[in-house]
N, C-alpha and C. Protein backbone atom coordinates (compact mmCIF):
# COMPACT_ATOMS: atom_id res chain seq x y z
N MET A 1 114.48 102.96 76.19
CA MET A 1 113.42 104.30 76.28
C MET A 1 114.07 104.48 77.56
N LYS A 2 114.21 105.68 78.17
CA LYS A 2 115.28 105.99 79.33
C LYS A 2 113.38 106.33 80.16
N ILE A 3 113.90 106.06 81.26
CA ILE A 3 112.39 106.44 82.36
C ILE A 3 112.80 107.83 83.46
N ASP A 4 112.12 108.21 82.98
CA ASP A 4 112.25 109.65 83.28
C ASP A 4 111.62 109.90 84.77
N TYR A 5 112.47 109.14 86.34
CA TYR A 5 112.35 108.88 87.18
C TYR A 5 112.45 109.88 88.21
N GLN A 6 112.41 111.21 87.77
CA GLN A 6 112.00 112.57 88.36
C GLN A 6 110.87 113.16 88.41
N SER A 7 109.80 112.64 87.48
CA SER A 7 108.81 112.92 87.17
C SER A 7 108.02 112.19 88.39
N LEU A 8 108.34 110.62 88.56
CA LEU A 8 107.56 110.28 89.56
C LEU A 8 108.46 110.62 90.97
N GLU A 9 109.09 111.23 91.40
CA GLU A 9 109.38 111.89 92.12
C GLU A 9 108.95 113.19 92.50
N LYS A 10 108.45 113.50 91.28
CA LYS A 10 107.60 114.83 91.32
C LYS A 10 106.58 114.80 91.94
N LYS A 11 105.71 113.69 91.19
CA LYS A 11 104.36 113.48 91.79
C LYS A 11 104.86 113.15 93.83
N LEU A 12 105.06 112.09 93.84
CA LEU A 12 105.72 112.28 95.61
C LEU A 12 106.12 113.05 96.72
N LYS A 13 106.40 114.15 95.35
CA LYS A 13 107.11 115.27 96.24
C LYS A 13 107.90 114.79 97.42
N ILE A 14 109.30 113.72 96.59
CA ILE A 14 110.42 113.67 97.30
C ILE A 14 111.70 113.53 96.69
N ASN A 15 112.26 113.61 97.32
CA ASN A 15 114.23 113.31 96.07
C ASN A 15 114.82 112.30 96.91
N PHE A 16 114.86 111.49 95.73
CA PHE A 16 115.58 110.59 97.03
C PHE A 16 117.39 110.84 96.33
N LYS A 17 117.70 110.25 98.26
CA LYS A 17 119.72 110.52 97.86
C LYS A 17 120.36 109.19 97.33
N ASN A 18 119.15 107.91 96.98
CA ASN A 18 119.77 107.16 96.69
C ASN A 18 118.84 106.27 95.22
N LYS A 19 119.44 106.83 95.06
CA LYS A 19 118.59 107.27 92.97
C LYS A 19 118.69 105.71 92.59
N GLU A 20 119.54 104.41 92.88
CA GLU A 20 119.40 103.26 92.79
C GLU A 20 119.05 102.13 93.51
N LEU A 21 118.10 103.18 94.34
CA LEU A 21 117.12 102.24 95.75
C LEU A 21 116.05 102.56 95.12
N LEU A 22 115.48 103.43 93.91
CA LEU A 22 114.01 103.62 93.83
C LEU A 22 114.30 103.17 92.39
N ILE A 23 115.04 102.91 91.74
CA ILE A 23 115.14 101.88 90.41
C ILE A 23 115.37 100.55 90.74
N ARG A 24 116.02 100.15 92.00
CA ARG A 24 115.89 98.37 92.42
C ARG A 24 114.46 98.86 92.92
N SER A 25 113.84 99.13 93.46
CA SER A 25 111.88 99.29 94.04
C SER A 25 111.04 99.00 92.73
N LEU A 26 111.27 99.66 92.04
CA LEU A 26 111.06 99.17 90.34
C LEU A 26 111.12 98.36 89.41
N THR A 27 112.47 97.42 89.92
CA THR A 27 112.70 96.88 88.84
C THR A 27 112.26 94.89 89.47
N HIS A 28 111.04 94.85 88.33
CA HIS A 28 110.94 92.93 88.35
C HIS A 28 112.25 92.18 87.84
N LYS A 29 111.57 90.73 89.04
CA LYS A 29 112.48 89.97 88.67
C LYS A 29 112.41 88.93 87.58
N SER A 30 111.88 89.69 86.47
CA SER A 30 112.07 89.16 85.41
C SER A 30 112.62 90.03 84.14
N PHE A 31 113.20 90.91 84.63
CA PHE A 31 113.68 91.92 84.27
C PHE A 31 115.22 91.76 84.76
N ASP A 32 115.68 91.52 85.89
CA ASP A 32 116.84 90.86 86.92
C ASP A 32 116.50 90.45 88.12
N LYS A 33 116.93 88.92 87.66
CA LYS A 33 116.84 87.75 88.17
C LYS A 33 117.47 88.24 90.32
N GLU A 34 118.73 88.82 89.86
CA GLU A 34 119.26 88.95 90.98
C GLU A 34 119.20 90.32 92.12
N LYS A 35 118.49 91.71 90.98
CA LYS A 35 118.88 92.97 91.99
C LYS A 35 117.62 93.82 91.75
N ASN A 36 116.22 92.86 92.49
CA ASN A 36 114.84 93.16 91.77
C ASN A 36 114.29 93.58 93.08
N ASN A 37 113.42 94.16 93.04
CA ASN A 37 112.17 94.69 94.32
C ASN A 37 111.98 93.16 95.58
N GLU A 38 112.01 92.50 95.02
CA GLU A 38 111.13 90.99 96.24
C GLU A 38 111.35 91.38 97.72
N LYS A 39 111.95 91.54 97.57
CA LYS A 39 112.69 91.79 99.49
C LYS A 39 112.42 93.30 100.23
N ILE A 40 112.39 94.41 99.21
CA ILE A 40 111.80 95.42 99.46
C ILE A 40 110.06 95.71 99.61
N GLU A 41 109.50 94.73 98.86
CA GLU A 41 108.77 94.99 97.98
C GLU A 41 108.26 93.98 99.95
N PHE A 42 108.82 93.16 100.35
CA PHE A 42 108.14 92.80 101.68
C PHE A 42 108.16 93.87 103.18
N LEU A 43 109.53 94.15 102.65
CA LEU A 43 109.29 95.24 104.06
C LEU A 43 108.41 96.28 103.40
N GLY A 44 107.87 96.61 102.51
CA GLY A 44 106.83 97.62 102.15
C GLY A 44 105.74 97.09 102.64
N ASP A 45 105.55 96.35 102.53
CA ASP A 45 104.03 95.78 102.99
C ASP A 45 104.07 96.20 104.54
N ARG A 46 104.81 95.35 105.38
CA ARG A 46 104.72 95.40 106.69
C ARG A 46 105.22 97.52 107.23
N VAL A 47 105.23 98.14 106.31
CA VAL A 47 105.16 99.89 106.32
C VAL A 47 104.18 100.04 106.44
N LEU A 48 103.77 99.45 105.02
CA LEU A 48 102.44 100.46 104.64
C LEU A 48 100.96 100.13 105.63
N GLY A 49 101.42 98.18 106.34
CA GLY A 49 100.47 97.86 107.74
C GLY A 49 100.53 98.56 108.30
N LEU A 50 101.87 99.01 108.51
CA LEU A 50 102.20 99.77 110.22
C LEU A 50 101.61 101.27 110.56
N VAL A 51 101.32 102.15 109.30
CA VAL A 51 100.97 103.25 109.18
C VAL A 51 99.53 103.75 109.22
N ILE A 52 98.83 102.47 108.42
CA ILE A 52 97.63 102.46 108.35
C ILE A 52 96.93 101.88 108.96
N ALA A 53 97.60 101.16 110.20
CA ALA A 53 96.67 100.59 111.40
C ALA A 53 97.26 102.08 112.60
N LYS A 54 98.06 102.34 112.25
CA LYS A 54 98.19 103.56 113.47
C LYS A 54 96.76 104.94 113.00
N LYS A 55 96.71 105.01 111.73
CA LYS A 55 96.06 105.82 111.24
C LYS A 55 94.28 104.95 112.00
N LEU A 56 94.30 103.97 111.76
CA LEU A 56 92.54 103.59 111.86
C LEU A 56 92.42 103.77 113.59
N LEU A 57 93.93 103.72 113.86
CA LEU A 57 93.08 104.04 115.60
C LEU A 57 93.45 105.05 116.53
N GLU A 58 94.00 106.01 115.12
CA GLU A 58 93.64 107.29 115.19
C GLU A 58 92.57 107.92 114.97
N ILE A 59 91.61 107.81 114.56
CA ILE A 59 90.16 107.70 113.22
C ILE A 59 89.31 107.26 113.73
N TYR A 60 89.72 106.42 114.26
CA TYR A 60 88.58 105.44 114.99
C TYR A 60 89.09 104.51 116.80
N PRO A 61 88.89 105.69 117.67
CA PRO A 61 89.68 105.26 119.03
C PRO A 61 88.59 104.30 119.19
N ASN A 62 87.07 104.40 119.53
CA ASN A 62 86.09 103.39 119.86
C ASN A 62 85.97 102.41 119.12
N GLU A 63 86.05 101.87 118.00
CA GLU A 63 85.45 101.33 117.33
C GLU A 63 86.31 99.90 117.76
N LYS A 64 85.15 99.03 117.62
CA LYS A 64 85.55 97.88 117.54
C LYS A 64 87.14 96.28 116.87
N GLU A 65 87.24 95.96 117.53
CA GLU A 65 88.95 95.11 116.84
C GLU A 65 88.48 94.78 115.20
N GLY A 66 87.23 94.05 115.51
CA GLY A 66 86.51 93.40 114.33
C GLY A 66 86.64 93.66 113.35
N ILE A 67 85.95 95.52 113.65
CA ILE A 67 85.42 96.57 112.54
C ILE A 67 86.87 97.12 111.77
N LEU A 68 87.96 97.35 113.24
CA LEU A 68 89.13 98.10 112.14
C LEU A 68 90.12 97.11 111.39
N ASP A 69 89.21 95.08 112.07
CA ASP A 69 90.39 95.15 110.99
C ASP A 69 89.47 94.72 109.55
N LYS A 70 88.42 94.27 109.64
CA LYS A 70 87.76 94.74 108.15
C LYS A 70 87.84 95.95 107.54
N LYS A 71 88.49 97.49 107.77
CA LYS A 71 88.75 98.29 106.90
C LYS A 71 90.26 98.19 106.84
N PHE A 72 91.13 97.99 108.29
CA PHE A 72 92.49 97.72 107.44
C PHE A 72 92.77 96.53 106.32
N ALA A 73 92.25 95.92 106.20
CA ALA A 73 91.83 95.13 104.90
C ALA A 73 91.71 95.26 104.05
N SER A 74 90.82 95.75 103.81
CA SER A 74 90.47 96.79 102.79
C SER A 74 91.34 97.89 102.05
N LEU A 75 92.53 98.45 102.72
CA LEU A 75 93.34 99.36 102.42
C LEU A 75 94.92 99.22 102.54
N VAL A 76 94.79 98.03 102.71
CA VAL A 76 96.02 97.62 102.03
C VAL A 76 96.10 96.16 101.14
N ASN A 77 95.44 95.76 101.12
CA ASN A 77 94.86 94.43 100.16
C ASN A 77 95.43 95.34 98.15
N LYS A 78 95.64 93.99 98.13
CA LYS A 78 96.44 94.30 96.27
C LYS A 78 95.54 95.32 95.70
N LYS A 79 93.97 94.83 95.80
CA LYS A 79 93.18 95.68 94.30
C LYS A 79 93.79 97.29 94.97
N THR A 80 93.65 97.09 96.15
CA THR A 80 93.98 99.19 96.96
C THR A 80 95.24 99.59 96.13
N CYS A 81 96.14 98.45 96.28
CA CYS A 81 97.66 99.02 95.82
C CYS A 81 97.61 99.49 94.67
N LEU A 82 97.14 97.97 93.78
CA LEU A 82 96.61 98.36 92.09
C LEU A 82 95.98 99.65 92.13
N GLN A 83 95.25 100.16 92.48
CA GLN A 83 94.53 101.81 92.52
C GLN A 83 95.48 102.67 92.69
N ILE A 84 96.42 102.41 93.66
CA ILE A 84 97.16 104.01 93.88
C ILE A 84 98.50 103.29 92.70
N ALA A 85 98.59 102.18 92.59
CA ALA A 85 99.82 102.00 91.43
C ALA A 85 99.82 103.26 90.07
N LYS A 86 98.41 102.75 89.99
CA LYS A 86 97.84 103.08 88.35
C LYS A 86 97.34 104.57 88.96
N LYS A 87 96.88 105.04 89.88
CA LYS A 87 96.46 106.94 90.17
C LYS A 87 97.89 107.62 90.18
N ILE A 88 99.34 107.06 90.39
CA ILE A 88 100.61 107.60 90.19
C ILE A 88 100.90 106.86 88.05
N ASN A 89 100.62 106.60 88.03
CA ASN A 89 100.78 105.85 86.86
C ASN A 89 101.97 104.90 86.65
N LEU A 90 102.51 104.16 88.04
CA LEU A 90 103.50 103.56 88.30
C LEU A 90 104.09 102.68 86.98
N GLN A 91 103.05 102.06 85.84
CA GLN A 91 103.58 101.29 85.37
C GLN A 91 104.58 101.71 83.82
N ASN A 92 104.63 103.31 83.69
CA ASN A 92 105.64 103.85 83.29
C ASN A 92 107.15 103.87 83.96
N TYR A 93 107.40 103.19 84.95
CA TYR A 93 108.72 103.55 85.16
C TYR A 93 108.90 101.95 86.33
N LEU A 94 108.45 101.08 85.25
CA LEU A 94 108.93 99.56 86.05
C LEU A 94 110.04 98.50 84.70
N LEU A 95 110.41 97.59 85.27
CA LEU A 95 111.96 97.74 84.69
C LEU A 95 111.31 96.49 84.53
N THR A 96 110.55 96.00 83.52
CA THR A 96 110.09 94.62 83.33
C THR A 96 110.29 93.89 81.73
N LEU A 97 110.42 91.79 81.98
CA LEU A 97 110.69 92.06 80.86
C LEU A 97 109.18 92.61 79.67
N ASN A 98 108.36 91.94 80.06
CA ASN A 98 107.62 92.93 78.97
C ASN A 98 107.54 94.29 78.94
N THR A 99 108.43 95.06 78.01
CA THR A 99 108.29 96.50 77.49
C THR A 99 107.19 97.11 77.29
N LYS A 100 105.63 96.52 76.86
CA LYS A 100 104.88 97.12 76.91
C LYS A 100 103.63 97.29 77.82
N LYS A 101 103.67 98.84 78.18
CA LYS A 101 103.28 99.01 79.96
C LYS A 101 102.02 98.72 80.18
N ASP A 102 101.33 98.34 79.58
CA ASP A 102 100.16 98.50 78.99
C ASP A 102 99.56 97.04 79.14
N LEU A 103 100.71 96.59 79.63
CA LEU A 103 100.69 95.06 79.24
C LEU A 103 100.90 94.35 80.86
N ILE A 104 102.13 94.95 81.70
CA ILE A 104 101.98 94.55 82.77
C ILE A 104 100.97 94.00 83.75
N GLU A 105 100.83 92.64 84.31
CA GLU A 105 99.94 92.69 85.03
C GLU A 105 99.74 93.30 86.45
N ASP A 106 98.25 93.44 86.53
CA ASP A 106 98.02 93.72 87.65
C ASP A 106 98.90 93.63 89.13
N LYS A 107 98.81 92.53 89.14
CA LYS A 107 100.18 91.90 90.55
C LYS A 107 101.38 92.05 90.61
N VAL A 108 101.90 92.15 89.76
CA VAL A 108 103.46 92.91 89.72
C VAL A 108 103.41 94.62 89.86
N LEU A 109 102.09 95.12 89.21
CA LEU A 109 102.03 96.99 89.29
C LEU A 109 101.83 97.09 91.19
N ALA A 110 100.86 95.97 91.90
CA ALA A 110 100.38 96.55 92.57
C ALA A 110 101.39 95.54 93.90
N ASP A 111 101.81 94.80 93.93
CA ASP A 111 103.39 94.41 94.31
C ASP A 111 105.06 95.58 94.70
N SER A 112 104.74 96.20 93.52
CA SER A 112 105.96 97.51 93.17
C SER A 112 104.84 98.71 93.95
N CYS A 113 103.82 98.39 93.78
CA CYS A 113 103.60 99.86 94.70
C CYS A 113 104.68 99.32 95.95
N GLU A 114 104.23 98.20 96.44
CA GLU A 114 104.41 97.83 97.92
C GLU A 114 105.83 98.42 98.29
N ALA A 115 106.90 97.91 96.94
CA ALA A 115 108.38 97.91 97.14
C ALA A 115 109.07 99.55 97.20
N LEU A 116 108.14 100.35 96.29
CA LEU A 116 108.07 101.42 96.11
C LEU A 116 107.86 102.28 97.76
N ILE A 117 107.17 102.20 98.52
CA ILE A 117 106.69 102.35 100.12
C ILE A 117 108.06 101.89 100.78
N GLY A 118 108.54 100.55 100.63
CA GLY A 118 109.39 100.28 101.45
C GLY A 118 111.00 100.88 100.92
N SER A 119 111.01 101.44 99.66
CA SER A 119 112.21 101.72 99.37
C SER A 119 112.42 103.22 100.07
N ILE A 120 111.18 104.42 99.80
CA ILE A 120 111.06 105.76 100.50
C ILE A 120 111.11 105.88 101.73
N TYR A 121 110.88 103.87 102.73
CA TYR A 121 110.70 103.75 103.87
C TYR A 121 112.98 104.09 103.96
N LEU A 122 113.54 103.16 103.07
CA LEU A 122 114.77 103.04 103.46
C LEU A 122 115.76 104.35 102.87
N ASP A 123 114.65 104.73 101.89
CA ASP A 123 115.63 106.26 101.44
C ASP A 123 115.93 107.53 102.79
N ARG A 124 114.49 107.95 103.30
CA ARG A 124 113.90 108.56 103.99
C ARG A 124 113.28 108.32 105.63
N GLY A 125 113.42 107.21 106.00
CA GLY A 125 112.51 107.51 107.21
C GLY A 125 110.82 107.07 107.02
N LEU A 126 110.94 106.64 108.55
CA LEU A 126 109.21 106.87 108.87
C LEU A 126 108.76 107.98 108.70
N ASN A 127 109.21 109.33 109.39
CA ASN A 127 107.90 110.60 108.90
C ASN A 127 107.82 110.54 107.27
N THR A 128 108.79 110.41 106.74
CA THR A 128 107.94 110.88 105.20
C THR A 128 106.99 109.43 105.12
N VAL A 129 107.98 108.67 104.96
CA VAL A 129 106.91 107.84 104.85
C VAL A 129 105.62 107.60 104.69
N GLU A 130 105.53 107.63 106.20
CA GLU A 130 103.81 107.99 106.69
C GLU A 130 103.56 108.99 105.93
N LYS A 131 103.75 110.31 105.90
CA LYS A 131 103.11 111.49 105.14
C LYS A 131 102.99 111.27 103.56
N ILE A 132 103.31 110.63 103.29
CA ILE A 132 103.65 109.52 100.94
C ILE A 132 102.13 109.17 101.45
N ILE A 133 102.32 108.29 102.13
CA ILE A 133 101.07 106.75 102.09
C ILE A 133 99.80 107.72 102.59
N LEU A 134 99.86 108.34 103.88
CA LEU A 134 98.42 108.88 103.99
C LEU A 134 98.18 109.89 102.70
N ASP A 135 99.04 110.49 102.43
CA ASP A 135 98.36 111.48 100.52
C ASP A 135 97.66 110.54 99.90
N LEU A 136 98.55 109.39 99.85
CA LEU A 136 98.23 108.68 98.11
C LEU A 136 96.81 107.84 98.88
N TRP A 137 96.34 107.48 99.63
CA TRP A 137 95.39 106.79 100.90
C TRP A 137 94.32 107.40 101.41
N ALA A 138 94.29 108.68 101.06
CA ALA A 138 93.80 109.52 101.60
C ALA A 138 91.71 109.48 101.73
N LYS A 139 91.44 109.39 99.98
CA LYS A 139 90.46 109.16 99.20
C LYS A 139 90.14 107.72 100.06
N HIS A 140 90.93 106.40 100.16
CA HIS A 140 90.38 105.46 100.57
C HIS A 140 90.12 105.29 102.06
N ILE A 141 91.18 105.84 102.89
CA ILE A 141 90.89 106.18 103.99
C ILE A 141 89.48 107.08 105.07
N SER A 142 89.41 107.95 104.08
CA SER A 142 88.50 108.96 104.27
C SER A 142 86.38 107.87 103.98
N ASP A 143 86.80 106.86 102.87
CA ASP A 143 85.96 106.17 102.38
C ASP A 143 85.73 105.06 103.23
N SER A 144 86.34 104.51 104.07
CA SER A 144 86.92 103.72 104.97
C SER A 144 85.66 103.65 106.42
N ALA A 145 85.34 104.71 106.15
CA ALA A 145 84.13 105.34 107.32
C ALA A 145 83.09 104.13 106.95
N ILE A 146 82.51 104.35 105.89
CA ILE A 146 81.63 103.07 105.41
C ILE A 146 82.23 101.79 105.23
N THR A 147 82.10 100.97 106.09
CA THR A 147 82.47 99.66 106.03
C THR A 147 81.60 98.66 105.38
N PRO A 148 82.19 97.92 103.84
CA PRO A 148 80.72 97.33 103.52
C PRO A 148 81.00 96.17 103.71
N ILE A 149 79.70 95.32 103.83
CA ILE A 149 79.81 93.85 104.46
C ILE A 149 80.19 93.08 102.89
N ASP A 150 80.67 92.37 103.30
CA ASP A 150 81.40 91.79 101.81
C ASP A 150 80.52 90.41 101.38
N ALA A 151 80.48 89.92 100.21
CA ALA A 151 79.30 88.73 100.41
C ALA A 151 79.52 87.54 101.12
N LYS A 152 81.22 87.18 100.97
CA LYS A 152 81.67 86.23 101.76
C LYS A 152 80.28 86.01 103.20
N THR A 153 80.47 87.67 103.90
CA THR A 153 80.65 87.57 105.34
C THR A 153 78.94 87.91 105.32
N LYS A 154 78.23 88.20 103.95
CA LYS A 154 76.32 88.08 103.97
C LYS A 154 76.05 86.67 103.77
N LEU A 155 76.64 85.96 103.52
CA LEU A 155 75.70 84.95 103.29
C LEU A 155 76.22 83.75 104.67
N GLN A 156 77.57 83.95 105.34
CA GLN A 156 77.80 83.04 106.59
C GLN A 156 76.50 83.36 107.56
N GLU A 157 76.13 85.01 107.44
CA GLU A 157 75.17 85.88 107.84
C GLU A 157 73.94 84.42 108.35
N LEU A 158 73.39 84.32 106.53
CA LEU A 158 72.80 84.42 106.54
C LEU A 158 72.37 82.67 106.56
N SER A 159 73.35 82.38 106.17
CA SER A 159 73.71 80.90 106.32
C SER A 159 73.60 80.59 108.21
N LEU A 160 74.10 80.64 108.84
CA LEU A 160 73.35 80.97 110.20
C LEU A 160 72.80 80.76 110.69
N LYS A 161 72.14 82.02 110.36
CA LYS A 161 70.52 82.79 111.01
C LYS A 161 69.48 81.60 110.47
N LYS A 162 69.72 81.44 109.42
CA LYS A 162 68.16 79.95 109.19
C LYS A 162 69.01 78.83 108.94
N PHE A 163 70.06 78.33 109.03
CA PHE A 163 70.37 76.93 109.24
C PHE A 163 71.70 76.24 110.49
N LYS A 164 71.68 77.70 111.13
CA LYS A 164 73.09 76.91 112.44
C LYS A 164 73.46 76.40 112.05
N LYS A 165 74.62 77.01 110.06
CA LYS A 165 75.75 75.80 109.82
C LYS A 165 75.95 76.90 108.82
N LEU A 166 77.46 76.69 108.72
CA LEU A 166 78.24 77.60 107.67
C LEU A 166 78.38 76.85 106.47
N PRO A 167 78.28 78.02 104.95
CA PRO A 167 78.27 77.25 103.57
C PRO A 167 79.24 76.69 103.52
N ILE A 168 79.33 76.00 102.49
CA ILE A 168 80.38 74.81 102.37
C ILE A 168 80.71 75.17 101.20
N TYR A 169 82.24 75.33 101.21
CA TYR A 169 83.00 76.26 99.90
C TYR A 169 84.04 74.75 99.35
N LYS A 170 84.24 74.98 98.61
CA LYS A 170 84.93 73.80 97.94
C LYS A 170 85.52 74.18 95.84
N LEU A 171 86.75 74.04 96.27
CA LEU A 171 87.65 74.20 95.17
C LEU A 171 87.75 73.67 93.45
N ILE A 172 87.07 73.79 92.73
CA ILE A 172 86.44 73.17 91.87
C ILE A 172 88.02 72.60 90.97
N SER A 173 88.77 73.95 90.42
CA SER A 173 89.98 73.67 90.02
C SER A 173 91.16 75.58 89.93
N ASN A 174 92.46 74.91 89.10
CA ASN A 174 92.92 76.02 89.11
C ASN A 174 93.92 75.76 88.27
N THR A 175 94.02 76.33 87.26
CA THR A 175 94.37 76.55 86.23
C THR A 175 95.36 77.96 86.05
N GLY A 176 95.89 77.72 84.90
CA GLY A 176 96.82 78.33 83.74
C GLY A 176 98.17 78.58 84.24
N PRO A 177 99.37 79.17 83.99
CA PRO A 177 100.10 79.28 84.67
C PRO A 177 100.27 80.18 85.84
N ARG A 178 101.56 79.77 86.66
CA ARG A 178 101.82 80.29 87.95
C ARG A 178 101.59 81.71 88.09
N HIS A 179 101.95 82.45 87.27
CA HIS A 179 101.77 83.85 87.35
C HIS A 179 100.95 84.27 87.18
N LYS A 180 100.07 83.86 86.33
CA LYS A 180 98.34 84.58 86.05
C LYS A 180 97.20 82.93 86.65
N PRO A 181 97.36 82.00 87.50
CA PRO A 181 96.18 81.41 88.02
C PRO A 181 95.41 81.88 88.03
N LEU A 182 93.95 80.85 87.67
CA LEU A 182 92.63 80.93 87.52
C LEU A 182 92.12 80.43 88.62
N PHE A 183 90.94 80.39 89.56
CA PHE A 183 90.76 79.92 90.29
C PHE A 183 89.05 80.03 89.80
N LYS A 184 88.75 78.33 90.16
CA LYS A 184 87.49 78.22 90.20
C LYS A 184 86.82 77.39 91.51
N VAL A 185 85.83 78.21 92.18
CA VAL A 185 85.08 77.65 93.34
C VAL A 185 83.76 77.50 93.19
N ALA A 186 82.97 76.76 94.70
CA ALA A 186 81.81 75.88 94.06
C ALA A 186 80.99 76.92 95.71
N VAL A 187 80.47 77.09 96.26
CA VAL A 187 79.55 77.12 96.97
C VAL A 187 78.23 76.94 97.76
N LYS A 188 77.75 76.23 98.80
CA LYS A 188 76.17 76.45 98.28
C LYS A 188 76.71 75.88 100.44
N LEU A 189 74.57 76.41 100.49
CA LEU A 189 74.17 75.84 102.05
C LEU A 189 73.62 75.07 102.08
N VAL A 190 72.32 74.35 103.41
CA VAL A 190 71.96 73.62 103.60
C VAL A 190 70.90 73.18 102.32
N ASP A 191 70.13 73.89 102.13
CA ASP A 191 69.24 73.60 100.67
C ASP A 191 69.58 74.29 99.63
N THR A 192 70.62 74.15 99.24
CA THR A 192 70.61 75.06 97.90
C THR A 192 71.63 74.13 96.86
N LYS A 193 71.51 74.35 96.01
CA LYS A 193 72.78 73.41 94.93
C LYS A 193 73.94 74.04 95.28
N PHE A 194 75.42 73.29 94.17
CA PHE A 194 76.49 74.67 94.37
C PHE A 194 76.58 75.12 93.53
N TYR A 195 77.09 76.55 93.66
CA TYR A 195 77.19 77.77 92.94
C TYR A 195 78.67 78.47 93.19
N SER A 196 78.89 77.94 91.40
CA SER A 196 80.67 78.53 91.32
C SER A 196 80.87 79.24 90.07
N ALA A 197 82.34 80.01 90.85
CA ALA A 197 82.96 81.61 89.94
C ALA A 197 84.31 81.37 89.92
N GLU A 198 84.80 82.45 89.26
CA GLU A 198 85.83 81.90 89.39
C GLU A 198 86.58 83.95 89.71
N GLY A 199 88.04 83.10 89.64
CA GLY A 199 88.57 84.81 90.06
C GLY A 199 89.83 84.00 90.39
N LYS A 200 90.76 85.33 90.25
CA LYS A 200 92.11 85.72 89.69
C LYS A 200 93.25 84.94 91.00
N SER A 201 92.40 84.73 92.80
CA SER A 201 92.60 83.85 93.34
C SER A 201 91.62 83.51 94.20
N LYS A 202 92.03 82.17 94.68
CA LYS A 202 90.74 81.46 95.38
C LYS A 202 89.95 83.08 96.58
N LYS A 203 90.73 83.52 97.00
CA LYS A 203 89.64 84.25 98.11
C LYS A 203 88.25 85.15 96.57
N ASP A 204 89.28 85.90 95.22
CA ASP A 204 88.34 86.29 95.13
C ASP A 204 87.24 85.18 94.22
N ALA A 205 87.81 83.92 93.95
CA ALA A 205 86.72 83.37 93.33
C ALA A 205 85.48 82.57 94.45
N GLU A 206 86.00 82.61 96.38
CA GLU A 206 84.75 82.53 97.22
C GLU A 206 83.89 83.74 96.73
N GLN A 207 84.28 84.86 96.60
CA GLN A 207 83.71 86.31 96.94
C GLN A 207 82.56 86.29 95.76
N ASN A 208 83.32 86.15 94.94
CA ASN A 208 82.16 85.61 93.65
C ASN A 208 81.30 84.57 93.40
N ALA A 209 81.89 83.68 93.49
CA ALA A 209 80.62 81.93 94.32
C ALA A 209 80.03 82.54 95.29
N ALA A 210 80.05 83.31 96.14
CA ALA A 210 78.95 84.20 97.35
C ALA A 210 78.55 84.25 96.87
N ILE A 211 78.83 85.87 95.79
CA ILE A 211 77.88 87.16 95.04
C ILE A 211 77.04 86.28 94.34
N LEU A 212 76.96 84.98 93.74
CA LEU A 212 75.93 84.29 92.37
C LEU A 212 75.36 83.73 93.80
N CYS A 213 75.79 82.89 94.86
CA CYS A 213 74.74 81.98 94.98
C CYS A 213 73.66 83.46 96.25
N LEU A 214 74.15 84.49 96.70
CA LEU A 214 72.90 85.63 97.07
C LEU A 214 71.71 85.70 95.85
N LYS A 215 72.69 85.90 94.85
CA LYS A 215 71.67 86.40 93.42
C LYS A 215 70.59 85.11 93.90
N ASN A 216 70.98 84.39 93.40
CA ASN A 216 70.59 82.93 93.10
C ASN A 216 68.91 82.72 94.59
N ILE A 217 70.06 82.75 95.33
CA ILE A 217 69.27 82.80 96.68
C ILE A 217 67.78 83.83 96.88
N LYS A 218 67.81 84.89 96.67
CA LYS A 218 67.02 85.87 96.18
C LYS A 218 65.92 85.79 95.41
N LYS A 219 66.02 84.59 94.81
CA LYS A 219 65.04 84.72 92.93
C LYS A 219 64.26 83.48 93.87
N LEU A 220 64.87 82.59 94.69
CA LEU A 220 64.30 81.68 95.24
C LEU A 220 62.93 82.09 95.88
């Protein structure tokens, strides 16, 4: 099936000078072990970070570094990159071993979003990629005015306030294939039992365990 890269360029309001660079940024290693998007993704991750960090400093000049760091992390993480990738239907343009576009893994999509950013930077420079990133991330940047406190932070604050000690996290298991791992993590406070939960990453599993612990503490 022929991929209509022009429709993607139209969405991004850009015309690539080097079409091969665009195609490479959307080629997964499962499709081509040599000419794939891994290195361009590495670059794209840094370019995204630079643009978002600069924008946050512009719109929150008086904010504390710790708060800026939380806003930054929420804007450049894989979850947000995945949402952006789905927003522009990036799965329709990827070259992967899996030909069924609806079965492409979330991580592959998020990584390809970063690779696409890297290719735009290489092809058109910083000013152009900055404009595209800020356009695609506009709603997320706007929503960053509200910084939600994540479950791990809430649990940590509660534990320090009540017991003067940090919550205890324990990795229970790491199962599944390398490309699709499943982590199980447990957490407890001084006077509670361990509450365990799963996630696609250790960080996600810790968050889910913290959510479960907080819910059960409220019931006590």
